[in-house]
Protein backbone atom coordinates (compact mmCIF):
# COMPACT_ATOMS: atom_id res chain seq x y z
CA MET A 1 105.86 118.99 111.40
CA VAL A 2 103.88 115.76 111.88
CA GLN A 3 100.95 117.35 110.07
CA ARG A 4 103.02 117.43 106.86
CA LEU A 5 103.30 113.64 106.70
CA PRO A 6 100.84 111.67 104.55
CA LYS A 7 97.61 110.68 106.30
CA ASP A 8 98.46 106.97 106.29
CA PHE A 9 101.34 107.67 108.69
CA HIS A 10 98.95 109.24 111.20
CA GLN A 11 96.79 106.11 111.15
CA THR A 12 99.70 103.71 111.69
CA PRO A 13 99.80 101.81 114.98
CA GLY A 14 102.70 103.22 116.97
CA GLY A 15 102.61 106.58 115.25
CA ILE A 16 105.05 108.00 112.77
CA LYS A 17 108.02 105.90 113.88
CA ARG A 18 106.65 102.72 112.34
CA VAL A 19 106.54 101.93 108.64
CA LEU A 20 104.21 99.15 107.57
CA PRO A 21 105.23 96.85 104.71
CA ALA A 22 102.19 97.95 102.68
CA GLN A 23 103.49 101.54 102.73
CA ILE A 24 106.74 100.64 100.97
CA GLU A 25 105.92 97.38 99.21
CA GLY A 26 107.23 97.28 95.64
CA LYS A 27 108.94 100.66 95.95
CA PHE A 28 112.60 99.75 96.60
CA GLU A 29 113.33 99.00 92.95
CA ILE A 30 111.71 102.28 91.90
CA ALA A 31 113.62 104.29 94.50
CA LYS A 32 116.94 102.64 93.61
CA LYS A 33 116.41 103.31 89.89
CA ARG A 34 115.64 106.97 90.62
CA ALA A 35 118.79 107.25 92.75
CA LEU A 36 120.97 105.65 90.07
CA ASP A 37 119.45 107.89 87.38
CA MET A 38 120.07 110.96 89.54
CA ASN A 39 123.65 109.89 90.29
CA GLY A 40 124.21 109.23 86.59
CA GLN A 41 123.84 112.94 85.83
CA HIS A 42 127.38 113.50 87.09
CA PRO A 43 130.66 112.57 85.38
CA GLU A 44 132.54 109.60 86.90
CA TYR A 45 135.60 111.71 87.68
CA GLN A 46 133.61 114.02 89.97
CA ALA A 47 133.93 112.93 93.59
CA PRO A 48 130.60 111.96 95.25
CA PRO A 49 130.83 114.72 97.90
CA SER A 50 130.98 117.26 95.03
CA ARG A 51 127.93 115.87 93.26
CA ASP A 52 124.66 117.64 93.88
CA PRO A 53 122.18 115.99 93.92
CA TYR A 54 123.58 112.61 94.91
CA THR A 55 122.49 109.71 97.11
CA ASP A 56 123.80 106.32 98.08
CA VAL A 57 121.17 105.52 100.69
CA TYR A 58 120.18 102.46 98.67
CA CYS A 59 123.69 101.05 99.38
CA PHE A 60 123.07 101.40 103.11
CA VAL A 61 119.69 99.74 102.76
CA GLU A 62 121.17 96.85 100.75
CA LYS A 63 124.47 96.33 102.57
CA GLY A 64 123.78 97.71 106.04
CA MET A 65 120.26 96.42 106.47
CA GLY A 66 120.40 93.40 104.15
CA VAL A 67 117.34 94.52 102.19
CA THR A 68 117.55 93.97 98.44
CA GLY A 69 113.90 94.34 97.58
CA TYR A 70 110.57 95.24 99.13
């Protein structure tokens, strides 16, 4: 399984459990926009558990981790 990860994860100090800022820098806004676009494919009346695909991980990142940009 580890072999499927990008090469820069294999070269990271501490192995695959560590993410360096350079690996994600400037990507939060892109990821959040993609999530919102994906979620926007579904009508508002459809409950989130019934939407496929759907994600609200960006909410956890913003509210749970206090990260609003990186």
